[in-house]
Amino acid sequence: MNQEKFLDDGYWSRRYLNDEASWDLGEISTPLKSYIDQLTDKNLRILIPGGGRNYEADYLAAAGFTQITVVEISSIIVEQLQQRWAESESIQVFHEDFFKHEGQYDLILEQTFFCALHPSLRNDYVQKMKELLAPKGKLVGVLFNRSFEKEGPPFGGYSEDYQNLFAPDFQFNVFEPCYNSIQPRENSELFINITKI
């Protein structure tokens, strides 16, 4: 399979146009909502890569966070987001390949981006996260803790695989099955909260 197609605007835009966005919950995921609700520093520099329709960014802005950056490969989604947030001073949207993005962030939120990438890109993902995070910056979010019958995306995996992947570059604060997943995803999600070493 050509891994490059998963970094292609046309591929993802077609999936949205054809209503093939089965990962889209229509709202912020409960594990990320619970985590955001615990944050007190509204000036954190926050990045959401490949977040699709980005309900997380909406929730952050409504909660008073002031420095939210969204990186998205699909031009169709970027256009929708730019229209939706035209009046927002808190959210910046970049139509860009995540691996080409530059910046420094205190927090990166992971929501259905890791699973959209071909597994051959996972080491690159970890290194790019390390590059984008400020010292002591955190990567927080949800990973699938299961395999899938048909070839992805989404691409699955298991906790032990991820631990081996992240361990050289990150300290593990939380790395455990989600207790508050939505019903269709119960017992299949892993919540991660890891700090750049």
N, C-alpha and C. Protein backbone atom coordinates (compact mmCIF):
# COMPACT_ATOMS: atom_id res chain seq x y z
N MET A 1 0.84 -1.20 0.00
CA MET A 1 0.00 0.00 0.00
C MET A 1 0.88 1.25 0.00
N ASN A 2 0.47 2.24 -0.73
CA ASN A 2 1.22 3.49 -0.82
C ASN A 2 0.94 4.36 0.40
N GLN A 3 1.91 4.45 1.29
CA GLN A 3 1.73 5.22 2.52
C GLN A 3 1.55 6.71 2.25
N GLU A 4 2.07 7.19 1.12
CA GLU A 4 2.02 8.61 0.82
C GLU A 4 0.58 9.11 0.63
N LYS A 5 -0.32 8.22 0.23
CA LYS A 5 -1.69 8.69 -0.01
C LYS A 5 -2.35 9.17 1.27
N PHE A 6 -1.83 8.69 2.42
CA PHE A 6 -2.41 9.11 3.69
C PHE A 6 -1.92 10.50 4.10
N LEU A 7 -1.05 11.08 3.29
CA LEU A 7 -0.60 12.46 3.50
C LEU A 7 -1.07 13.34 2.35
N ASP A 8 -2.14 12.91 1.70
CA ASP A 8 -2.61 13.57 0.48
C ASP A 8 -3.94 14.27 0.71
N ASP A 9 -3.99 15.53 0.32
CA ASP A 9 -5.21 16.33 0.44
C ASP A 9 -6.39 15.64 -0.25
N GLY A 10 -6.18 15.21 -1.50
CA GLY A 10 -7.26 14.63 -2.29
C GLY A 10 -7.87 13.40 -1.64
N TYR A 11 -7.03 12.54 -1.09
CA TYR A 11 -7.51 11.31 -0.46
C TYR A 11 -8.48 11.63 0.69
N TRP A 12 -8.06 12.53 1.58
CA TRP A 12 -8.89 12.84 2.74
C TRP A 12 -10.11 13.68 2.36
N SER A 13 -9.94 14.60 1.44
CA SER A 13 -11.08 15.42 1.01
C SER A 13 -12.16 14.54 0.37
N ARG A 14 -11.74 13.55 -0.43
CA ARG A 14 -12.71 12.62 -1.03
C ARG A 14 -13.46 11.84 0.05
N ARG A 15 -12.76 11.44 1.08
CA ARG A 15 -13.42 10.68 2.14
C ARG A 15 -14.49 11.53 2.84
N TYR A 16 -14.19 12.80 3.05
CA TYR A 16 -15.20 13.68 3.65
C TYR A 16 -16.35 13.92 2.68
N LEU A 17 -16.04 14.15 1.42
CA LEU A 17 -17.08 14.39 0.42
C LEU A 17 -18.00 13.18 0.26
N ASN A 18 -17.43 11.99 0.36
CA ASN A 18 -18.20 10.75 0.20
C ASN A 18 -18.80 10.25 1.51
N ASP A 19 -18.74 11.09 2.53
CA ASP A 19 -19.29 10.74 3.84
C ASP A 19 -18.66 9.45 4.37
N GLU A 20 -17.34 9.36 4.21
CA GLU A 20 -16.60 8.20 4.71
C GLU A 20 -15.75 8.60 5.91
N ALA A 21 -16.30 9.44 6.75
CA ALA A 21 -15.59 9.90 7.95
C ALA A 21 -16.20 9.24 9.18
N SER A 22 -16.08 7.92 9.24
CA SER A 22 -16.73 7.17 10.32
C SER A 22 -16.13 7.49 11.69
N TRP A 23 -14.93 8.07 11.70
CA TRP A 23 -14.28 8.44 12.96
C TRP A 23 -14.86 9.72 13.55
N ASP A 24 -15.63 10.47 12.76
CA ASP A 24 -16.16 11.76 13.18
C ASP A 24 -17.31 11.54 14.16
N LEU A 25 -17.10 11.92 15.42
CA LEU A 25 -18.11 11.70 16.46
C LEU A 25 -19.22 12.75 16.44
N GLY A 26 -18.94 13.88 15.79
CA GLY A 26 -19.92 14.97 15.80
C GLY A 26 -19.82 15.84 17.04
N GLU A 27 -18.86 15.52 17.91
CA GLU A 27 -18.64 16.28 19.14
C GLU A 27 -17.27 15.91 19.69
N ILE A 28 -16.83 16.63 20.71
CA ILE A 28 -15.56 16.33 21.33
C ILE A 28 -15.64 14.96 22.02
N SER A 29 -14.54 14.21 21.96
CA SER A 29 -14.54 12.90 22.63
C SER A 29 -14.50 13.10 24.14
N THR A 30 -15.17 12.22 24.86
CA THR A 30 -15.26 12.40 26.32
C THR A 30 -13.91 12.34 27.03
N PRO A 31 -12.97 11.47 26.64
CA PRO A 31 -11.68 11.49 27.34
C PRO A 31 -10.95 12.83 27.20
N LEU A 32 -10.99 13.43 26.00
CA LEU A 32 -10.33 14.72 25.83
C LEU A 32 -11.08 15.84 26.53
N LYS A 33 -12.38 15.78 26.51
CA LYS A 33 -13.18 16.79 27.24
C LYS A 33 -12.81 16.77 28.72
N SER A 34 -12.74 15.58 29.30
CA SER A 34 -12.41 15.46 30.72
C SER A 34 -11.02 16.01 31.01
N TYR A 35 -10.08 15.75 30.11
CA TYR A 35 -8.72 16.25 30.31
C TYR A 35 -8.70 17.78 30.21
N ILE A 36 -9.31 18.33 29.18
CA ILE A 36 -9.32 19.79 28.99
C ILE A 36 -9.96 20.48 30.18
N ASP A 37 -10.99 19.88 30.74
CA ASP A 37 -11.67 20.47 31.89
C ASP A 37 -10.76 20.62 33.10
N GLN A 38 -9.66 19.89 33.14
CA GLN A 38 -8.73 19.96 34.26
C GLN A 38 -7.62 21.00 34.06
N LEU A 39 -7.51 21.54 32.85
CA LEU A 39 -6.44 22.49 32.55
C LEU A 39 -6.81 23.88 33.07
N THR A 40 -5.83 24.56 33.67
CA THR A 40 -6.09 25.89 34.24
C THR A 40 -5.37 27.01 33.49
N ASP A 41 -4.28 26.69 32.81
CA ASP A 41 -3.52 27.72 32.09
C ASP A 41 -4.12 27.93 30.71
N LYS A 42 -4.86 29.01 30.56
CA LYS A 42 -5.56 29.28 29.30
C LYS A 42 -4.62 29.77 28.19
N ASN A 43 -3.36 30.03 28.55
CA ASN A 43 -2.40 30.53 27.56
C ASN A 43 -1.49 29.43 27.01
N LEU A 44 -1.79 28.19 27.32
CA LEU A 44 -1.02 27.10 26.75
C LEU A 44 -1.03 27.17 25.23
N ARG A 45 0.11 26.92 24.62
CA ARG A 45 0.18 26.84 23.16
C ARG A 45 -0.22 25.41 22.77
N ILE A 46 -1.37 25.29 22.13
CA ILE A 46 -1.96 23.98 21.88
C ILE A 46 -2.04 23.70 20.38
N LEU A 47 -1.60 22.50 19.99
CA LEU A 47 -1.69 22.06 18.60
C LEU A 47 -2.62 20.87 18.50
N ILE A 48 -3.49 20.89 17.49
CA ILE A 48 -4.32 19.73 17.17
C ILE A 48 -4.01 19.35 15.72
N PRO A 49 -3.26 18.27 15.52
CA PRO A 49 -2.93 17.85 14.14
C PRO A 49 -3.98 16.89 13.59
N GLY A 50 -4.34 17.09 12.33
CA GLY A 50 -5.24 16.16 11.65
C GLY A 50 -6.53 15.88 12.38
N GLY A 51 -7.09 16.91 12.95
CA GLY A 51 -8.28 16.72 13.79
C GLY A 51 -9.60 16.78 13.05
N GLY A 52 -9.57 16.81 11.72
CA GLY A 52 -10.83 16.83 10.98
C GLY A 52 -11.66 18.06 11.32
N ARG A 53 -12.90 17.83 11.68
CA ARG A 53 -13.81 18.96 11.95
C ARG A 53 -13.53 19.65 13.28
N ASN A 54 -12.65 19.11 14.07
CA ASN A 54 -12.06 19.81 15.22
C ASN A 54 -13.04 20.33 16.27
N TYR A 55 -13.83 19.43 16.78
CA TYR A 55 -14.70 19.79 17.90
C TYR A 55 -13.88 20.14 19.14
N GLU A 56 -12.66 19.57 19.21
CA GLU A 56 -11.78 19.86 20.34
C GLU A 56 -11.38 21.34 20.34
N ALA A 57 -11.09 21.88 19.16
CA ALA A 57 -10.72 23.30 19.07
C ALA A 57 -11.90 24.19 19.47
N ASP A 58 -13.10 23.82 19.04
CA ASP A 58 -14.29 24.57 19.45
C ASP A 58 -14.42 24.59 20.97
N TYR A 59 -14.22 23.42 21.56
CA TYR A 59 -14.37 23.30 23.01
C TYR A 59 -13.31 24.12 23.74
N LEU A 60 -12.08 24.05 23.26
CA LEU A 60 -11.00 24.83 23.87
C LEU A 60 -11.28 26.34 23.79
N ALA A 61 -11.70 26.80 22.62
CA ALA A 61 -11.97 28.24 22.45
C ALA A 61 -13.11 28.68 23.36
N ALA A 62 -14.15 27.86 23.44
CA ALA A 62 -15.29 28.20 24.30
C ALA A 62 -14.89 28.24 25.77
N ALA A 63 -13.87 27.45 26.11
CA ALA A 63 -13.40 27.39 27.50
C ALA A 63 -12.40 28.50 27.82
N GLY A 64 -12.06 29.32 26.82
CA GLY A 64 -11.20 30.47 27.07
C GLY A 64 -9.74 30.30 26.74
N PHE A 65 -9.38 29.19 26.09
CA PHE A 65 -7.99 29.03 25.67
C PHE A 65 -7.69 29.96 24.50
N THR A 66 -6.49 30.52 24.49
CA THR A 66 -6.22 31.64 23.57
C THR A 66 -5.25 31.33 22.44
N GLN A 67 -4.52 30.21 22.52
CA GLN A 67 -3.51 29.91 21.51
C GLN A 67 -3.70 28.49 20.98
N ILE A 68 -4.64 28.35 20.07
CA ILE A 68 -5.00 27.03 19.52
C ILE A 68 -4.61 27.00 18.05
N THR A 69 -3.84 25.99 17.68
CA THR A 69 -3.41 25.83 16.29
C THR A 69 -3.92 24.50 15.76
N VAL A 70 -4.49 24.54 14.57
CA VAL A 70 -5.01 23.34 13.91
C VAL A 70 -4.24 23.14 12.62
N VAL A 71 -3.74 21.92 12.40
CA VAL A 71 -3.07 21.56 11.15
C VAL A 71 -3.89 20.46 10.49
N GLU A 72 -4.33 20.70 9.26
CA GLU A 72 -5.22 19.76 8.58
C GLU A 72 -4.83 19.65 7.11
N ILE A 73 -4.83 18.45 6.58
CA ILE A 73 -4.40 18.19 5.20
C ILE A 73 -5.53 18.39 4.18
N SER A 74 -6.79 18.21 4.61
CA SER A 74 -7.92 18.29 3.69
C SER A 74 -8.33 19.74 3.42
N SER A 75 -8.23 20.16 2.17
CA SER A 75 -8.59 21.54 1.82
C SER A 75 -10.07 21.81 2.08
N ILE A 76 -10.91 20.79 1.88
CA ILE A 76 -12.35 20.96 2.12
C ILE A 76 -12.61 21.27 3.58
N ILE A 77 -11.97 20.52 4.46
CA ILE A 77 -12.15 20.74 5.89
C ILE A 77 -11.55 22.07 6.31
N VAL A 78 -10.37 22.40 5.78
CA VAL A 78 -9.74 23.68 6.13
C VAL A 78 -10.64 24.84 5.76
N GLU A 79 -11.25 24.78 4.59
CA GLU A 79 -12.16 25.85 4.16
C GLU A 79 -13.34 25.98 5.14
N GLN A 80 -13.90 24.84 5.54
CA GLN A 80 -15.01 24.86 6.51
C GLN A 80 -14.57 25.47 7.83
N LEU A 81 -13.38 25.07 8.29
CA LEU A 81 -12.89 25.57 9.58
C LEU A 81 -12.60 27.07 9.52
N GLN A 82 -12.02 27.51 8.43
CA GLN A 82 -11.70 28.93 8.30
C GLN A 82 -12.97 29.77 8.29
N GLN A 83 -14.01 29.26 7.67
CA GLN A 83 -15.30 29.97 7.69
C GLN A 83 -15.90 29.97 9.10
N ARG A 84 -15.83 28.81 9.74
CA ARG A 84 -16.43 28.67 11.07
C ARG A 84 -15.74 29.56 12.09
N TRP A 85 -14.43 29.72 11.94
CA TRP A 85 -13.67 30.46 12.94
C TRP A 85 -13.18 31.82 12.42
N ALA A 86 -13.85 32.33 11.41
CA ALA A 86 -13.42 33.59 10.80
C ALA A 86 -13.31 34.72 11.82
N GLU A 87 -14.15 34.70 12.81
CA GLU A 87 -14.16 35.77 13.83
C GLU A 87 -13.31 35.43 15.05
N SER A 88 -12.75 34.26 15.09
CA SER A 88 -12.00 33.83 16.27
C SER A 88 -10.57 34.37 16.26
N GLU A 89 -10.16 34.91 17.40
CA GLU A 89 -8.77 35.35 17.56
C GLU A 89 -7.94 34.28 18.27
N SER A 90 -8.59 33.20 18.67
CA SER A 90 -7.92 32.17 19.45
C SER A 90 -7.42 31.00 18.62
N ILE A 91 -7.98 30.82 17.41
CA ILE A 91 -7.69 29.62 16.62
C ILE A 91 -7.03 29.99 15.30
N GLN A 92 -5.91 29.35 15.01
CA GLN A 92 -5.24 29.46 13.72
C GLN A 92 -5.35 28.13 13.00
N VAL A 93 -5.62 28.17 11.70
CA VAL A 93 -5.74 26.95 10.90
C VAL A 93 -4.69 26.96 9.79
N PHE A 94 -3.96 25.85 9.70
CA PHE A 94 -2.96 25.69 8.64
C PHE A 94 -3.36 24.53 7.74
N HIS A 95 -3.42 24.79 6.43
CA HIS A 95 -3.64 23.73 5.45
C HIS A 95 -2.27 23.20 5.10
N GLU A 96 -1.90 22.08 5.72
CA GLU A 96 -0.50 21.68 5.68
C GLU A 96 -0.34 20.21 6.03
N ASP A 97 0.72 19.63 5.51
CA ASP A 97 1.18 18.31 5.93
C ASP A 97 1.79 18.47 7.33
N PHE A 98 1.29 17.72 8.28
CA PHE A 98 1.79 17.78 9.66
C PHE A 98 3.31 17.66 9.72
N PHE A 99 3.88 16.80 8.91
CA PHE A 99 5.32 16.56 8.99
C PHE A 99 6.14 17.74 8.48
N LYS A 100 5.48 18.72 7.87
CA LYS A 100 6.17 19.93 7.40
C LYS A 100 5.88 21.13 8.30
N HIS A 101 5.03 20.93 9.28
CA HIS A 101 4.65 22.04 10.16
C HIS A 101 5.82 22.42 11.08
N GLU A 102 5.92 23.71 11.37
CA GLU A 102 6.94 24.19 12.30
C GLU A 102 6.28 25.00 13.40
N GLY A 103 6.84 24.92 14.58
CA GLY A 103 6.31 25.65 15.72
C GLY A 103 6.76 25.01 17.01
N GLN A 104 6.35 25.62 18.12
CA GLN A 104 6.65 25.10 19.45
C GLN A 104 5.37 25.13 20.27
N TYR A 105 5.06 24.02 20.89
CA TYR A 105 3.79 23.88 21.61
C TYR A 105 4.00 23.29 22.99
N ASP A 106 3.15 23.73 23.91
CA ASP A 106 3.16 23.18 25.27
C ASP A 106 2.35 21.89 25.35
N LEU A 107 1.37 21.79 24.46
CA LEU A 107 0.46 20.65 24.49
C LEU A 107 0.02 20.30 23.08
N ILE A 108 0.10 19.02 22.74
CA ILE A 108 -0.44 18.54 21.47
C ILE A 108 -1.52 17.53 21.79
N LEU A 109 -2.70 17.73 21.21
CA LEU A 109 -3.84 16.84 21.45
C LEU A 109 -3.96 15.85 20.30
N GLU A 110 -4.01 14.58 20.64
CA GLU A 110 -4.11 13.49 19.67
C GLU A 110 -5.54 12.94 19.67
N GLN A 111 -6.20 13.09 18.50
CA GLN A 111 -7.56 12.56 18.36
C GLN A 111 -7.73 12.07 16.93
N THR A 112 -7.61 10.77 16.74
CA THR A 112 -7.78 10.10 15.43
C THR A 112 -6.79 10.55 14.35
N PHE A 113 -5.65 11.08 14.76
CA PHE A 113 -4.61 11.41 13.78
C PHE A 113 -3.61 10.26 13.66
N PHE A 114 -3.11 9.79 14.77
CA PHE A 114 -2.15 8.68 14.78
C PHE A 114 -2.69 7.48 14.02
N CYS A 115 -3.96 7.15 14.22
CA CYS A 115 -4.55 5.97 13.59
C CYS A 115 -4.81 6.17 12.10
N ALA A 116 -4.75 7.42 11.64
CA ALA A 116 -4.96 7.70 10.22
C ALA A 116 -3.68 7.52 9.41
N LEU A 117 -2.55 7.52 10.10
CA LEU A 117 -1.26 7.38 9.43
C LEU A 117 -0.89 5.92 9.25
N HIS A 118 -0.29 5.61 8.13
CA HIS A 118 0.20 4.25 7.91
C HIS A 118 1.22 3.91 9.01
N PRO A 119 1.19 2.70 9.56
CA PRO A 119 2.11 2.33 10.65
C PRO A 119 3.58 2.56 10.33
N SER A 120 3.94 2.56 9.05
CA SER A 120 5.34 2.81 8.69
C SER A 120 5.77 4.24 9.02
N LEU A 121 4.80 5.12 9.30
CA LEU A 121 5.11 6.52 9.62
C LEU A 121 5.14 6.78 11.12
N ARG A 122 4.98 5.76 11.93
CA ARG A 122 4.84 5.99 13.38
C ARG A 122 6.13 6.50 14.03
N ASN A 123 7.27 6.01 13.60
CA ASN A 123 8.52 6.56 14.14
C ASN A 123 8.69 8.02 13.76
N ASP A 124 8.30 8.36 12.53
CA ASP A 124 8.35 9.76 12.09
C ASP A 124 7.40 10.61 12.93
N TYR A 125 6.24 10.06 13.25
CA TYR A 125 5.26 10.76 14.09
C TYR A 125 5.88 11.11 15.44
N VAL A 126 6.51 10.13 16.07
CA VAL A 126 7.11 10.36 17.39
C VAL A 126 8.18 11.44 17.31
N GLN A 127 9.03 11.37 16.31
CA GLN A 127 10.11 12.35 16.18
C GLN A 127 9.58 13.75 15.89
N LYS A 128 8.51 13.83 15.09
CA LYS A 128 7.92 15.14 14.80
C LYS A 128 7.25 15.72 16.04
N MET A 129 6.59 14.87 16.82
CA MET A 129 6.00 15.34 18.07
C MET A 129 7.08 15.89 19.00
N LYS A 130 8.17 15.17 19.09
CA LYS A 130 9.28 15.60 19.94
C LYS A 130 9.82 16.95 19.47
N GLU A 131 9.91 17.13 18.16
CA GLU A 131 10.41 18.39 17.59
C GLU A 131 9.46 19.56 17.88
N LEU A 132 8.16 19.31 17.80
CA LEU A 132 7.18 20.38 17.95
C LEU A 132 6.90 20.76 19.40
N LEU A 133 7.16 19.85 20.31
CA LEU A 133 6.87 20.12 21.72
C LEU A 133 7.99 20.93 22.36
N ALA A 134 7.59 21.91 23.15
CA ALA A 134 8.55 22.68 23.93
C ALA A 134 9.10 21.77 25.04
N PRO A 135 10.20 22.17 25.70
CA PRO A 135 10.69 21.37 26.82
C PRO A 135 9.57 21.11 27.83
N LYS A 136 9.45 19.87 28.25
CA LYS A 136 8.41 19.41 29.18
C LYS A 136 7.00 19.47 28.57
N GLY A 137 6.92 19.67 27.25
CA GLY A 137 5.62 19.68 26.58
C GLY A 137 4.98 18.30 26.62
N LYS A 138 3.66 18.28 26.50
CA LYS A 138 2.91 17.02 26.62
C LYS A 138 2.17 16.66 25.35
N LEU A 139 2.14 15.37 25.07
CA LEU A 139 1.28 14.79 24.05
C LEU A 139 0.19 14.04 24.79
N VAL A 140 -1.05 14.44 24.56
CA VAL A 140 -2.18 13.88 25.30
C VAL A 140 -3.29 13.52 24.34
N GLY A 141 -3.90 12.36 24.54
CA GLY A 141 -5.02 12.01 23.69
C GLY A 141 -5.39 10.55 23.76
N VAL A 142 -6.00 10.10 22.68
CA VAL A 142 -6.58 8.76 22.63
C VAL A 142 -6.02 7.99 21.45
N LEU A 143 -5.60 6.76 21.70
CA LEU A 143 -5.16 5.85 20.65
C LEU A 143 -6.05 4.62 20.67
N PHE A 144 -6.27 4.02 19.52
CA PHE A 144 -7.01 2.76 19.49
C PHE A 144 -6.17 1.66 20.13
N ASN A 145 -6.79 0.87 20.98
CA ASN A 145 -6.14 -0.25 21.64
C ASN A 145 -6.79 -1.54 21.13
N ARG A 146 -6.68 -1.72 19.82
CA ARG A 146 -7.33 -2.85 19.16
C ARG A 146 -6.82 -2.95 17.72
N SER A 147 -7.12 -4.06 17.08
CA SER A 147 -6.82 -4.21 15.66
C SER A 147 -8.12 -4.10 14.88
N PHE A 148 -7.99 -3.94 13.57
CA PHE A 148 -9.16 -3.82 12.70
C PHE A 148 -9.12 -4.93 11.65
N GLU A 149 -10.30 -5.42 11.29
CA GLU A 149 -10.38 -6.54 10.35
C GLU A 149 -9.90 -6.15 8.95
N LYS A 150 -10.27 -4.96 8.51
CA LYS A 150 -9.84 -4.56 7.17
C LYS A 150 -8.73 -3.52 7.28
N GLU A 151 -7.95 -3.46 6.21
CA GLU A 151 -6.82 -2.54 6.21
C GLU A 151 -7.29 -1.11 6.34
N GLY A 152 -6.56 -0.33 7.11
CA GLY A 152 -6.97 1.02 7.43
C GLY A 152 -6.70 2.02 6.31
N PRO A 153 -6.95 3.29 6.62
CA PRO A 153 -7.24 3.77 7.96
C PRO A 153 -8.68 3.50 8.40
N PRO A 154 -8.93 3.41 9.70
CA PRO A 154 -7.95 3.54 10.78
C PRO A 154 -7.05 2.32 10.91
N PHE A 155 -5.81 2.58 11.37
CA PHE A 155 -4.86 1.53 11.66
C PHE A 155 -4.80 1.33 13.17
N GLY A 156 -4.89 0.10 13.59
CA GLY A 156 -4.92 -0.16 15.02
C GLY A 156 -3.55 -0.46 15.60
N GLY A 157 -3.58 -0.96 16.81
CA GLY A 157 -2.37 -1.31 17.54
C GLY A 157 -2.71 -1.55 18.99
N TYR A 158 -1.68 -1.85 19.77
CA TYR A 158 -1.91 -2.19 21.18
C TYR A 158 -0.94 -1.45 22.09
N SER A 159 -1.33 -1.36 23.34
CA SER A 159 -0.58 -0.60 24.33
C SER A 159 0.91 -0.93 24.33
N GLU A 160 1.25 -2.21 24.31
CA GLU A 160 2.66 -2.60 24.38
C GLU A 160 3.45 -2.07 23.18
N ASP A 161 2.83 -2.10 22.00
CA ASP A 161 3.48 -1.56 20.79
C ASP A 161 3.77 -0.07 20.96
N TYR A 162 2.79 0.65 21.47
CA TYR A 162 2.92 2.09 21.62
C TYR A 162 3.96 2.44 22.68
N GLN A 163 3.97 1.68 23.76
CA GLN A 163 4.95 1.94 24.81
C GLN A 163 6.37 1.82 24.28
N ASN A 164 6.62 0.79 23.49
CA ASN A 164 7.94 0.61 22.90
C ASN A 164 8.28 1.75 21.95
N LEU A 165 7.27 2.27 21.28
CA LEU A 165 7.46 3.36 20.32
C LEU A 165 7.82 4.67 21.02
N PHE A 166 7.10 5.00 22.08
CA PHE A 166 7.25 6.30 22.74
C PHE A 166 8.32 6.33 23.83
N ALA A 167 8.64 5.18 24.42
CA ALA A 167 9.49 5.13 25.61
C ALA A 167 10.84 5.84 25.47
N PRO A 168 11.54 5.76 24.33
CA PRO A 168 12.85 6.42 24.26
C PRO A 168 12.80 7.95 24.40
N ASP A 169 11.67 8.55 24.07
CA ASP A 169 11.61 10.02 23.99
C ASP A 169 10.61 10.68 24.93
N PHE A 170 9.80 9.87 25.63
CA PHE A 170 8.75 10.44 26.46
C PHE A 170 8.67 9.76 27.82
N GLN A 171 8.27 10.56 28.81
CA GLN A 171 7.96 10.05 30.14
C GLN A 171 6.46 9.77 30.19
N PHE A 172 6.07 8.63 30.74
CA PHE A 172 4.67 8.23 30.78
C PHE A 172 4.01 8.71 32.07
N ASN A 173 3.03 9.59 31.93
CA ASN A 173 2.24 10.05 33.07
C ASN A 173 0.99 9.18 33.22
N VAL A 174 0.27 9.02 32.11
CA VAL A 174 -0.89 8.13 32.06
C VAL A 174 -0.80 7.36 30.74
N PHE A 175 -1.00 6.07 30.81
CA PHE A 175 -0.97 5.23 29.62
C PHE A 175 -1.82 4.02 29.92
N GLU A 176 -3.13 4.19 29.83
CA GLU A 176 -4.03 3.13 30.30
C GLU A 176 -5.36 3.17 29.55
N PRO A 177 -6.10 2.06 29.60
CA PRO A 177 -7.39 2.03 28.91
C PRO A 177 -8.30 3.16 29.39
N CYS A 178 -9.04 3.75 28.46
CA CYS A 178 -9.99 4.81 28.80
C CYS A 178 -11.12 4.24 29.66
N TYR A 179 -11.50 4.98 30.68
CA TYR A 179 -12.64 4.59 31.51
C TYR A 179 -13.92 5.31 31.08
N ASN A 180 -13.76 6.29 30.18
CA ASN A 180 -14.91 7.14 29.82
C ASN A 180 -15.10 7.27 28.31
N SER A 181 -14.78 6.22 27.57
CA SER A 181 -15.02 6.23 26.13
C SER A 181 -16.52 6.27 25.83
N ILE A 182 -16.87 6.76 24.64
CA ILE A 182 -18.27 6.65 24.23
C ILE A 182 -18.58 5.17 24.01
N GLN A 183 -19.84 4.82 24.08
CA GLN A 183 -20.25 3.41 24.09
C GLN A 183 -19.70 2.59 22.92
N PRO A 184 -19.75 3.09 21.66
CA PRO A 184 -19.23 2.27 20.56
C PRO A 184 -17.73 1.99 20.65
N ARG A 185 -17.01 2.79 21.43
CA ARG A 185 -15.56 2.61 21.53
C ARG A 185 -15.11 2.04 22.88
N GLU A 186 -16.05 1.61 23.69
CA GLU A 186 -15.71 1.05 25.00
C GLU A 186 -14.74 -0.11 24.84
N ASN A 187 -13.76 -0.17 25.73
CA ASN A 187 -12.76 -1.24 25.77
C ASN A 187 -11.88 -1.30 24.53
N SER A 188 -11.82 -0.22 23.78
CA SER A 188 -10.96 -0.22 22.59
C SER A 188 -10.10 1.03 22.48
N GLU A 189 -10.08 1.85 23.54
CA GLU A 189 -9.30 3.08 23.49
C GLU A 189 -8.30 3.14 24.64
N LEU A 190 -7.18 3.77 24.36
CA LEU A 190 -6.12 3.96 25.34
C LEU A 190 -5.91 5.46 25.52
N PHE A 191 -5.93 5.92 26.77
CA PHE A 191 -5.67 7.34 27.02
C PHE A 191 -4.19 7.51 27.32
N ILE A 192 -3.56 8.45 26.61
CA ILE A 192 -2.14 8.70 26.85
C ILE A 192 -1.92 10.14 27.29
N ASN A 193 -1.03 10.31 28.24
CA ASN A 193 -0.57 11.62 28.70
C ASN A 193 0.93 11.44 28.94
N ILE A 194 1.72 11.89 27.99
CA ILE A 194 3.17 11.66 28.05
C ILE A 194 3.91 12.99 27.86
N THR A 195 5.05 13.09 28.54
CA THR A 195 5.84 14.33 28.55
C THR A 195 7.14 14.14 27.82
N LYS A 196 7.47 15.09 26.97
CA LYS A 196 8.76 15.05 26.26
C LYS A 196 9.91 15.05 27.25
N ILE A 197 10.83 14.12 27.06
CA ILE A 197 12.00 14.04 27.93
C ILE A 197 13.03 15.08 27.48
